[in-house]
Amino acid sequence: MDDRQIDEAMLEMAEFVSQMTEVEGYLIDPENEIAMKLEEVKLSIPIELDLLVAEDGSVILGSSPPLYYTETTILPVFHQLNVTIKIDTSDAGSSKQRMES
């Protein structure tokens, strides 16, 4: 049995993306009596990846924002995650979130 896991500082990719894209759709500031409804959110963030391939060939992908900002002789490779979240109101007035990447 293969009990290797992704780096403990990272989340599995699905959970990472889910947490990064958890958008309510409304920003409310009751103190100043201001409210804003979001129609679209674009995220573009650098990420680090941790890739494990199990003996059975299955792949586990972990990710996180960059963990270290200290310059070293060998710098880590950062990947770019781009996500666009749009509120879809085309379905008879009901609104749904749609995610593009």
PDB file of N, CA and C in Angstrom:
ATOM      1  N   MET A   1       0.845  -1.187   0.000  1.00  0.00           N
ATOM      2  CA  MET A   1       0.000   0.000   0.000  1.00  0.00           C
ATOM      3  C   MET A   1       0.890   1.251   0.000  1.00  0.00           C
ATOM      4  N   ASP A   2       0.497   2.248  -0.767  1.00  0.00           N
ATOM      5  CA  ASP A   2       1.256   3.483  -0.884  1.00  0.00           C
ATOM      6  C   ASP A   2       0.611   4.522   0.021  1.00  0.00           C
ATOM      7  N   ASP A   3       1.317   4.907   1.100  1.00  0.00           N
ATOM      8  CA  ASP A   3       0.728   5.854   2.051  1.00  0.00           C
ATOM      9  C   ASP A   3       1.333   7.244   1.931  1.00  0.00           C
ATOM     10  N   ARG A   4       2.020   7.539   0.794  1.00  0.00           N
ATOM     11  CA  ARG A   4       2.567   8.879   0.587  1.00  0.00           C
ATOM     12  C   ARG A   4       1.421   9.881   0.445  1.00  0.00           C
ATOM     13  N   GLN A   5       1.661  11.064   0.923  1.00  0.00           N
ATOM     14  CA  GLN A   5       0.656  12.118   0.825  1.00  0.00           C
ATOM     15  C   GLN A   5       1.331  13.398   0.366  1.00  0.00           C
ATOM     16  N   ILE A   6       0.517  14.339  -0.078  1.00  0.00           N
ATOM     17  CA  ILE A   6       1.067  15.625  -0.505  1.00  0.00           C
ATOM     18  C   ILE A   6       1.656  16.351   0.695  1.00  0.00           C
ATOM     19  N   ASP A   7       2.506  17.302   0.414  1.00  0.00           N
ATOM     20  CA  ASP A   7       3.142  18.108   1.438  1.00  0.00           C
ATOM     21  C   ASP A   7       2.082  18.645   2.393  1.00  0.00           C
ATOM     22  N   GLU A   8       2.341  18.567   3.678  1.00  0.00           N
ATOM     23  CA  GLU A   8       1.348  18.981   4.681  1.00  0.00           C
ATOM     24  C   GLU A   8       1.004  20.462   4.612  1.00  0.00           C
ATOM     25  N   ALA A   9       1.846  21.281   3.981  1.00  0.00           N
ATOM     26  CA  ALA A   9       1.565  22.711   3.841  1.00  0.00           C
ATOM     27  C   ALA A   9       0.621  22.999   2.674  1.00  0.00           C
ATOM     28  N   MET A  10       0.272  21.957   1.923  1.00  0.00           N
ATOM     29  CA  MET A  10      -0.565  22.141   0.740  1.00  0.00           C
ATOM     30  C   MET A  10      -1.908  21.446   0.909  1.00  0.00           C
ATOM     31  N   LEU A  11      -2.840  21.826   0.039  1.00  0.00           N
ATOM     32  CA  LEU A  11      -4.146  21.168  -0.032  1.00  0.00           C
ATOM     33  C   LEU A  11      -4.216  20.392  -1.337  1.00  0.00           C
ATOM     34  N   GLU A  12      -5.069  19.363  -1.371  1.00  0.00           N
ATOM     35  CA  GLU A  12      -5.307  18.714  -2.651  1.00  0.00           C
ATOM     36  C   GLU A  12      -5.902  19.759  -3.581  1.00  0.00           C
ATOM     37  N   MET A  13      -5.582  19.665  -4.860  1.00  0.00           N
ATOM     38  CA  MET A  13      -5.930  20.713  -5.838  1.00  0.00           C
ATOM     39  C   MET A  13      -7.420  21.056  -5.815  1.00  0.00           C
ATOM     40  N   ALA A  14      -8.288  20.061  -5.764  1.00  0.00           N
ATOM     41  CA  ALA A  14      -9.729  20.331  -5.779  1.00  0.00           C
ATOM     42  C   ALA A  14     -10.145  21.183  -4.585  1.00  0.00           C
ATOM     43  N   GLU A  15      -9.613  20.879  -3.409  1.00  0.00           N
ATOM     44  CA  GLU A  15      -9.970  21.654  -2.218  1.00  0.00           C
ATOM     45  C   GLU A  15      -9.378  23.059  -2.285  1.00  0.00           C
ATOM     46  N   PHE A  16      -8.156  23.176  -2.797  1.00  0.00           N
ATOM     47  CA  PHE A  16      -7.513  24.478  -2.943  1.00  0.00           C
ATOM     48  C   PHE A  16      -8.343  25.387  -3.846  1.00  0.00           C
ATOM     49  N   VAL A  17      -8.737  24.881  -5.014  1.00  0.00           N
ATOM     50  CA  VAL A  17      -9.540  25.679  -5.953  1.00  0.00           C
ATOM     51  C   VAL A  17     -10.897  26.008  -5.338  1.00  0.00           C
ATOM     52  N   SER A  18     -11.505  25.037  -4.665  1.00  0.00           N
ATOM     53  CA  SER A  18     -12.805  25.268  -4.030  1.00  0.00           C
ATOM     54  C   SER A  18     -12.722  26.403  -3.008  1.00  0.00           C
ATOM     55  N   GLN A  19     -11.678  26.398  -2.178  1.00  0.00           N
ATOM     56  CA  GLN A  19     -11.541  27.456  -1.167  1.00  0.00           C
ATOM     57  C   GLN A  19     -11.234  28.812  -1.805  1.00  0.00           C
ATOM     58  N   MET A  20     -10.441  28.822  -2.866  1.00  0.00           N
ATOM     59  CA  MET A  20     -10.087  30.074  -3.524  1.00  0.00           C
ATOM     60  C   MET A  20     -11.263  30.690  -4.273  1.00  0.00           C
ATOM     61  N   THR A  21     -12.228  29.875  -4.652  1.00  0.00           N
ATOM     62  CA  THR A  21     -13.342  30.378  -5.461  1.00  0.00           C
ATOM     63  C   THR A  21     -14.650  30.449  -4.684  1.00  0.00           C
ATOM     64  N   GLU A  22     -14.586  30.348  -3.383  1.00  0.00           N
ATOM     65  CA  GLU A  22     -15.793  30.428  -2.566  1.00  0.00           C
ATOM     66  C   GLU A  22     -16.224  31.890  -2.474  1.00  0.00           C
ATOM     67  N   VAL A  23     -17.126  32.270  -3.366  1.00  0.00           N
ATOM     68  CA  VAL A  23     -17.551  33.665  -3.478  1.00  0.00           C
ATOM     69  C   VAL A  23     -19.058  33.739  -3.226  1.00  0.00           C
ATOM     70  N   GLU A  24     -19.449  34.579  -2.307  1.00  0.00           N
ATOM     71  CA  GLU A  24     -20.863  34.740  -1.974  1.00  0.00           C
ATOM     72  C   GLU A  24     -21.630  35.503  -3.057  1.00  0.00           C
ATOM     73  N   GLY A  25     -20.981  36.441  -3.703  1.00  0.00           N
ATOM     74  CA  GLY A  25     -21.657  37.237  -4.724  1.00  0.00           C
ATOM     75  C   GLY A  25     -22.062  38.623  -4.244  1.00  0.00           C
ATOM     76  N   TYR A  26     -21.978  38.861  -2.914  1.00  0.00           N
ATOM     77  CA  TYR A  26     -22.339  40.169  -2.366  1.00  0.00           C
ATOM     78  C   TYR A  26     -21.257  40.628  -1.400  1.00  0.00           C
ATOM     79  N   LEU A  27     -20.914  41.891  -1.475  1.00  0.00           N
ATOM     80  CA  LEU A  27     -20.037  42.516  -0.501  1.00  0.00           C
ATOM     81  C   LEU A  27     -20.857  43.594   0.201  1.00  0.00           C
ATOM     82  N   ILE A  28     -20.973  43.476   1.510  1.00  0.00           N
ATOM     83  CA  ILE A  28     -21.847  44.380   2.259  1.00  0.00           C
ATOM     84  C   ILE A  28     -21.052  45.037   3.377  1.00  0.00           C
ATOM     85  N   ASP A  29     -21.194  46.361   3.489  1.00  0.00           N
ATOM     86  CA  ASP A  29     -20.591  47.143   4.557  1.00  0.00           C
ATOM     87  C   ASP A  29     -21.729  47.873   5.275  1.00  0.00           C
ATOM     88  N   PRO A  30     -22.324  47.237   6.305  1.00  0.00           N
ATOM     89  CA  PRO A  30     -23.477  47.838   6.988  1.00  0.00           C
ATOM     90  C   PRO A  30     -23.153  49.173   7.651  1.00  0.00           C
ATOM     91  N   GLU A  31     -21.926  49.332   8.113  1.00  0.00           N
ATOM     92  CA  GLU A  31     -21.550  50.564   8.800  1.00  0.00           C
ATOM     93  C   GLU A  31     -21.667  51.774   7.874  1.00  0.00           C
ATOM     94  N   ASN A  32     -21.255  51.613   6.620  1.00  0.00           N
ATOM     95  CA  ASN A  32     -21.331  52.711   5.661  1.00  0.00           C
ATOM     96  C   ASN A  32     -22.530  52.602   4.735  1.00  0.00           C
ATOM     97  N   GLU A  33     -23.392  51.630   5.001  1.00  0.00           N
ATOM     98  CA  GLU A  33     -24.609  51.393   4.209  1.00  0.00           C
ATOM     99  C   GLU A  33     -24.299  51.250   2.723  1.00  0.00           C
ATOM    100  N   ILE A  34     -23.313  50.406   2.439  1.00  0.00           N
ATOM    101  CA  ILE A  34     -22.918  50.149   1.059  1.00  0.00           C
ATOM    102  C   ILE A  34     -23.035  48.656   0.785  1.00  0.00           C
ATOM    103  N   ALA A  35     -23.561  48.326  -0.381  1.00  0.00           N
ATOM    104  CA  ALA A  35     -23.632  46.929  -0.808  1.00  0.00           C
ATOM    105  C   ALA A  35     -23.237  46.854  -2.274  1.00  0.00           C
ATOM    106  N   MET A  36     -22.571  45.764  -2.622  1.00  0.00           N
ATOM    107  CA  MET A  36     -22.145  45.587  -4.005  1.00  0.00           C
ATOM    108  C   MET A  36     -22.437  44.142  -4.406  1.00  0.00           C
ATOM    109  N   LYS A  37     -23.039  43.981  -5.573  1.00  0.00           N
ATOM    110  CA  LYS A  37     -23.309  42.651  -6.109  1.00  0.00           C
ATOM    111  C   LYS A  37     -22.270  42.361  -7.186  1.00  0.00           C
ATOM    112  N   LEU A  38     -21.582  41.244  -7.026  1.00  0.00           N
ATOM    113  CA  LEU A  38     -20.550  40.872  -7.984  1.00  0.00           C
ATOM    114  C   LEU A  38     -21.162  40.171  -9.188  1.00  0.00           C
ATOM    115  N   GLU A  39     -20.685  40.513 -10.363  1.00  0.00           N
ATOM    116  CA  GLU A  39     -21.098  39.833 -11.579  1.00  0.00           C
ATOM    117  C   GLU A  39     -19.994  38.923 -12.094  1.00  0.00           C
ATOM    118  N   GLU A  40     -18.744  39.286 -11.790  1.00  0.00           N
ATOM    119  CA  GLU A  40     -17.616  38.502 -12.271  1.00  0.00           C
ATOM    120  C   GLU A  40     -16.423  38.718 -11.354  1.00  0.00           C
ATOM    121  N   VAL A  41     -15.706  37.642 -11.088  1.00  0.00           N
ATOM    122  CA  VAL A  41     -14.490  37.698 -10.291  1.00  0.00           C
ATOM    123  C   VAL A  41     -13.397  36.989 -11.073  1.00  0.00           C
ATOM    124  N   LYS A  42     -12.251  37.650 -11.237  1.00  0.00           N
ATOM    125  CA  LYS A  42     -11.113  37.043 -11.914  1.00  0.00           C
ATOM    126  C   LYS A  42      -9.974  36.912 -10.917  1.00  0.00           C
ATOM    127  N   LEU A  43      -9.423  35.711 -10.835  1.00  0.00           N
ATOM    128  CA  LEU A  43      -8.276  35.451  -9.977  1.00  0.00           C
ATOM    129  C   LEU A  43      -7.107  35.020 -10.844  1.00  0.00           C
ATOM    130  N   SER A  44      -5.957  35.549 -10.561  1.00  0.00           N
ATOM    131  CA  SER A  44      -4.734  35.127 -11.225  1.00  0.00           C
ATOM    132  C   SER A  44      -3.662  35.101 -10.147  1.00  0.00           C
ATOM    133  N   ILE A  45      -3.292  33.893  -9.714  1.00  0.00           N
ATOM    134  CA  ILE A  45      -2.375  33.785  -8.589  1.00  0.00           C
ATOM    135  C   ILE A  45      -1.272  32.774  -8.886  1.00  0.00           C
ATOM    136  N   PRO A  46      -0.075  33.046  -8.362  1.00  0.00           N
ATOM    137  CA  PRO A  46       0.990  32.053  -8.489  1.00  0.00           C
ATOM    138  C   PRO A  46       0.727  30.919  -7.500  1.00  0.00           C
ATOM    139  N   ILE A  47       1.052  29.714  -7.904  1.00  0.00           N
ATOM    140  CA  ILE A  47       0.875  28.566  -7.011  1.00  0.00           C
ATOM    141  C   ILE A  47       2.093  27.649  -7.116  1.00  0.00           C
ATOM    142  N   GLU A  48       2.300  26.890  -6.052  1.00  0.00           N
ATOM    143  CA  GLU A  48       3.273  25.804  -6.063  1.00  0.00           C
ATOM    144  C   GLU A  48       2.490  24.510  -6.173  1.00  0.00           C
ATOM    145  N   LEU A  49       3.060  23.542  -6.858  1.00  0.00           N
ATOM    146  CA  LEU A  49       2.403  22.250  -7.035  1.00  0.00           C
ATOM    147  C   LEU A  49       3.225  21.142  -6.401  1.00  0.00           C
ATOM    148  N   ASP A  50       2.544  20.133  -5.916  1.00  0.00           N
ATOM    149  CA  ASP A  50       3.172  18.919  -5.405  1.00  0.00           C
ATOM    150  C   ASP A  50       2.478  17.767  -6.115  1.00  0.00           C
ATOM    151  N   LEU A  51       3.216  16.992  -6.877  1.00  0.00           N
ATOM    152  CA  LEU A  51       2.662  15.929  -7.707  1.00  0.00           C
ATOM    153  C   LEU A  51       3.162  14.586  -7.218  1.00  0.00           C
ATOM    154  N   LEU A  52       2.244  13.700  -6.894  1.00  0.00           N
ATOM    155  CA  LEU A  52       2.591  12.340  -6.482  1.00  0.00           C
ATOM    156  C   LEU A  52       1.905  11.354  -7.414  1.00  0.00           C
ATOM    157  N   VAL A  53       2.649  10.350  -7.852  1.00  0.00           N
ATOM    158  CA  VAL A  53       2.074   9.283  -8.659  1.00  0.00           C
ATOM    159  C   VAL A  53       2.154   8.007  -7.830  1.00  0.00           C
ATOM    160  N   ALA A  54       1.002   7.416  -7.555  1.00  0.00           N
ATOM    161  CA  ALA A  54       0.936   6.198  -6.750  1.00  0.00           C
ATOM    162  C   ALA A  54       1.360   4.989  -7.585  1.00  0.00           C
ATOM    163  N   GLU A  55       1.605   3.865  -6.919  1.00  0.00           N
ATOM    164  CA  GLU A  55       2.010   2.649  -7.605  1.00  0.00           C
ATOM    165  C   GLU A  55       0.979   2.201  -8.634  1.00  0.00           C
ATOM    166  N   ASP A  56      -0.302   2.484  -8.370  1.00  0.00           N
ATOM    167  CA  ASP A  56      -1.361   2.074  -9.306  1.00  0.00           C
ATOM    168  C   ASP A  56      -1.532   3.052 -10.466  1.00  0.00           C
ATOM    169  N   GLY A  57      -0.708   4.105 -10.512  1.00  0.00           N
ATOM    170  CA  GLY A  57      -0.761   5.077 -11.601  1.00  0.00           C
ATOM    171  C   GLY A  57      -1.659   6.272 -11.331  1.00  0.00           C
ATOM    172  N   SER A  58      -2.402   6.249 -10.223  1.00  0.00           N
ATOM    173  CA  SER A  58      -3.251   7.399  -9.909  1.00  0.00           C
ATOM    174  C   SER A  58      -2.372   8.573  -9.482  1.00  0.00           C
ATOM    175  N   VAL A  59      -2.877   9.775  -9.722  1.00  0.00           N
ATOM    176  CA  VAL A  59      -2.109  10.986  -9.468  1.00  0.00           C
ATOM    177  C   VAL A  59      -2.795  11.817  -8.397  1.00  0.00           C
ATOM    178  N   ILE A  60      -2.020  12.306  -7.464  1.00  0.00           N
ATOM    179  CA  ILE A  60      -2.515  13.237  -6.445  1.00  0.00           C
ATOM    180  C   ILE A  60      -1.791  14.551  -6.684  1.00  0.00           C
ATOM    181  N   LEU A  61      -2.559  15.610  -6.834  1.00  0.00           N
ATOM    182  CA  LEU A  61      -1.999  16.924  -7.096  1.00  0.00           C
ATOM    183  C   LEU A  61      -2.322  17.840  -5.923  1.00  0.00           C
ATOM    184  N   GLY A  62      -1.297  18.380  -5.301  1.00  0.00           N
ATOM    185  CA  GLY A  62      -1.470  19.332  -4.212  1.00  0.00           C
ATOM    186  C   GLY A  62      -1.050  20.715  -4.673  1.00  0.00           C
ATOM    187  N   SER A  63      -1.591  21.735  -4.037  1.00  0.00           N
ATOM    188  CA  SER A  63      -1.221  23.098  -4.419  1.00  0.00           C
ATOM    189  C   SER A  63      -1.367  24.043  -3.233  1.00  0.00           C
ATOM    190  N   SER A  64      -0.679  25.179  -3.358  1.00  0.00           N
ATOM    191  CA  SER A  64      -0.747  26.223  -2.338  1.00  0.00           C
ATOM    192  C   SER A  64      -0.221  27.509  -2.956  1.00  0.00           C
ATOM    193  N   PRO A  65      -0.513  28.642  -2.322  1.00  0.00           N
ATOM    194  CA  PRO A  65       0.180  29.866  -2.733  1.00  0.00           C
ATOM    195  C   PRO A  65       1.672  29.649  -2.459  1.00  0.00           C
ATOM    196  N   PRO A  66       2.550  30.466  -3.023  1.00  0.00           N
ATOM    197  CA  PRO A  66       3.981  30.290  -2.757  1.00  0.00           C
ATOM    198  C   PRO A  66       4.263  30.250  -1.260  1.00  0.00           C
ATOM    199  N   LEU A  67       5.042  29.267  -0.845  1.00  0.00           N
ATOM    200  CA  LEU A  67       5.316  29.082   0.581  1.00  0.00           C
ATOM    201  C   LEU A  67       6.506  29.898   1.065  1.00  0.00           C
ATOM    202  N   TYR A  68       7.456  30.152   0.167  1.00  0.00           N
ATOM    203  CA  TYR A  68       8.681  30.826   0.588  1.00  0.00           C
ATOM    204  C   TYR A  68       8.995  31.975  -0.357  1.00  0.00           C
ATOM    205  N   TYR A  69       9.437  33.068   0.183  1.00  0.00           N
ATOM    206  CA  TYR A  69       9.779  34.236  -0.619  1.00  0.00           C
ATOM    207  C   TYR A  69      11.260  34.584  -0.508  1.00  0.00           C
ATOM    208  N   THR A  70      12.047  33.712   0.092  1.00  0.00           N
ATOM    209  CA  THR A  70      13.469  33.957   0.268  1.00  0.00           C
ATOM    210  C   THR A  70      14.227  33.515  -0.981  1.00  0.00           C
ATOM    211  N   GLU A  71      15.098  34.384  -1.485  1.00  0.00           N
ATOM    212  CA  GLU A  71      15.890  34.015  -2.653  1.00  0.00           C
ATOM    213  C   GLU A  71      16.913  32.960  -2.263  1.00  0.00           C
ATOM    214  N   THR A  72      16.971  31.908  -3.065  1.00  0.00           N
ATOM    215  CA  THR A  72      17.963  30.861  -2.873  1.00  0.00           C
ATOM    216  C   THR A  72      18.644  30.611  -4.209  1.00  0.00           C
ATOM    217  N   THR A  73      19.656  29.760  -4.212  1.00  0.00           N
ATOM    218  CA  THR A  73      20.345  29.482  -5.467  1.00  0.00           C
ATOM    219  C   THR A  73      19.447  28.749  -6.450  1.00  0.00           C
ATOM    220  N   ILE A  74      18.549  27.922  -5.940  1.00  0.00           N
ATOM    221  CA  ILE A  74      17.583  27.228  -6.800  1.00  0.00           C
ATOM    222  C   ILE A  74      16.194  27.646  -6.344  1.00  0.00           C
ATOM    223  N   LEU A  75      15.561  28.494  -7.124  1.00  0.00           N
ATOM    224  CA  LEU A  75      14.225  28.977  -6.760  1.00  0.00           C
ATOM    225  C   LEU A  75      13.168  27.966  -7.191  1.00  0.00           C
ATOM    226  N   PRO A  76      12.070  27.856  -6.448  1.00  0.00           N
ATOM    227  CA  PRO A  76      10.994  26.946  -6.853  1.00  0.00           C
ATOM    228  C   PRO A  76      10.316  27.458  -8.124  1.00  0.00           C
ATOM    229  N   VAL A  77       9.689  26.545  -8.825  1.00  0.00           N
ATOM    230  CA  VAL A  77       8.938  26.906 -10.029  1.00  0.00           C
ATOM    231  C   VAL A  77       7.527  27.274  -9.602  1.00  0.00           C
ATOM    232  N   PHE A  78       7.084  28.465  -9.988  1.00  0.00           N
ATOM    233  CA  PHE A  78       5.723  28.869  -9.695  1.00  0.00           C
ATOM    234  C   PHE A  78       4.886  28.698 -10.954  1.00  0.00           C
ATOM    235  N   HIS A  79       3.702  28.180 -10.779  1.00  0.00           N
ATOM    236  CA  HIS A  79       2.756  28.038 -11.871  1.00  0.00           C
ATOM    237  C   HIS A  79       1.697  29.119 -11.676  1.00  0.00           C
ATOM    238  N   GLN A  80       0.951  29.426 -12.703  1.00  0.00           N
ATOM    239  CA  GLN A  80      -0.063  30.472 -12.623  1.00  0.00           C
ATOM    240  C   GLN A  80      -1.448  29.838 -12.719  1.00  0.00           C
ATOM    241  N   LEU A  81      -2.310  30.111 -11.760  1.00  0.00           N
ATOM    242  CA  LEU A  81      -3.691  29.648 -11.779  1.00  0.00           C
ATOM    243  C   LEU A  81      -4.574  30.836 -12.134  1.00  0.00           C
ATOM    244  N   ASN A  82      -5.322  30.717 -13.225  1.00  0.00           N
ATOM    245  CA  ASN A  82      -6.244  31.765 -13.655  1.00  0.00           C
ATOM    246  C   ASN A  82      -7.662  31.212 -13.597  1.00  0.00           C
ATOM    247  N   VAL A  83      -8.528  31.878 -12.876  1.00  0.00           N
ATOM    248  CA  VAL A  83      -9.916  31.445 -12.729  1.00  0.00           C
ATOM    249  C   VAL A  83     -10.821  32.654 -12.909  1.00  0.00           C
ATOM    250  N   THR A  84     -11.896  32.474 -13.680  1.00  0.00           N
ATOM    251  CA  THR A  84     -12.924  33.504 -13.825  1.00  0.00           C
ATOM    252  C   THR A  84     -14.245  32.920 -13.332  1.00  0.00           C
ATOM    253  N   ILE A  85     -14.884  33.615 -12.407  1.00  0.00           N
ATOM    254  CA  ILE A  85     -16.187  33.196 -11.886  1.00  0.00           C
ATOM    255  C   ILE A  85     -17.207  34.209 -12.363  1.00  0.00           C
ATOM    256  N   LYS A  86     -18.241  33.729 -13.052  1.00  0.00           N
ATOM    257  CA  LYS A  86     -19.287  34.621 -13.548  1.00  0.00           C
ATOM    258  C   LYS A  86     -20.625  34.177 -12.979  1.00  0.00           C
ATOM    259  N   ILE A  87     -21.450  35.152 -12.644  1.00  0.00           N
ATOM    260  CA  ILE A  87     -22.809  34.868 -12.201  1.00  0.00           C
ATOM    261  C   ILE A  87     -23.665  34.706 -13.456  1.00  0.00           C
ATOM    262  N   ASP A  88     -24.277  33.545 -13.602  1.00  0.00           N
ATOM    263  CA  ASP A  88     -25.082  33.231 -14.781  1.00  0.00           C
ATOM    264  C   ASP A  88     -26.552  33.468 -14.447  1.00  0.00           C
ATOM    265  N   THR A  89     -27.158  34.486 -15.059  1.00  0.00           N
ATOM    266  CA  THR A  89     -28.567  34.802 -14.810  1.00  0.00           C
ATOM    267  C   THR A  89     -29.443  34.440 -15.999  1.00  0.00           C
ATOM    268  N   SER A  90     -28.942  33.629 -16.918  1.00  0.00           N
ATOM    269  CA  SER A  90     -29.693  33.312 -18.134  1.00  0.00           C
ATOM    270  C   SER A  90     -30.799  32.281 -17.922  1.00  0.00           C
ATOM    271  N   ASP A  91     -30.835  31.608 -16.794  1.00  0.00           N
ATOM    272  CA  ASP A  91     -31.806  30.547 -16.543  1.00  0.00           C
ATOM    273  C   ASP A  91     -33.060  31.096 -15.854  1.00  0.00           C
ATOM    274  N   ALA A  92     -33.913  31.779 -16.600  1.00  0.00           N
ATOM    275  CA  ALA A  92     -35.207  32.284 -16.121  1.00  0.00           C
ATOM    276  C   ALA A  92     -35.100  33.068 -14.819  1.00  0.00           C
ATOM    277  N   GLY A  93     -34.093  33.908 -14.729  1.00  0.00           N
ATOM    278  CA  GLY A  93     -34.010  34.793 -13.565  1.00  0.00           C
ATOM    279  C   GLY A  93     -33.259  34.229 -12.389  1.00  0.00           C
ATOM    280  N   SER A  94     -32.986  32.920 -12.356  1.00  0.00           N
ATOM    281  CA  SER A  94     -32.227  32.395 -11.229  1.00  0.00           C
ATOM    282  C   SER A  94     -30.745  32.592 -11.511  1.00  0.00           C
ATOM    283  N   SER A  95     -29.960  32.801 -10.478  1.00  0.00           N
ATOM    284  CA  SER A  95     -28.540  33.020 -10.699  1.00  0.00           C
ATOM    285  C   SER A  95     -27.746  31.822 -10.199  1.00  0.00           C
ATOM    286  N   LYS A  96     -26.744  31.444 -10.987  1.00  0.00           N
ATOM    287  CA  LYS A  96     -25.852  30.343 -10.638  1.00  0.00           C
ATOM    288  C   LYS A  96     -24.435  30.819 -10.870  1.00  0.00           C
ATOM    289  N   GLN A  97     -23.506  30.210 -10.135  1.00  0.00           N
ATOM    290  CA  GLN A  97     -22.104  30.515 -10.380  1.00  0.00           C
ATOM    291  C   GLN A  97     -21.592  29.588 -11.479  1.00  0.00           C
ATOM    292  N   ARG A  98     -20.817  30.140 -12.385  1.00  0.00           N
ATOM    293  CA  ARG A  98     -20.171  29.356 -13.415  1.00  0.00           C
ATOM    294  C   ARG A  98     -18.690  29.678 -13.340  1.00  0.00           C
ATOM    295  N   MET A  99     -17.862  28.633 -13.357  1.00  0.00           N
ATOM    296  CA  MET A  99     -16.438  28.844 -13.229  1.00  0.00           C
ATOM    297  C   MET A  99     -15.756  28.475 -14.533  1.00  0.00           C
ATOM    298  N   GLU A 100     -14.854  29.341 -14.970  1.00  0.00           N
ATOM    299  CA  GLU A 100     -14.030  29.069 -16.149  1.00  0.00           C
ATOM    300  C   GLU A 100     -12.586  29.137 -15.706  1.00  0.00           C
ATOM    301  N   SER A 101     -11.743  28.374 -16.339  1.00  0.00           N
ATOM    302  CA  SER A 101     -10.308  28.487 -16.031  1.00  0.00           C
ATOM    303  C   SER A 101      -9.517  28.367 -17.296  1.00  0.00           C
TER     304      SER A 101
END
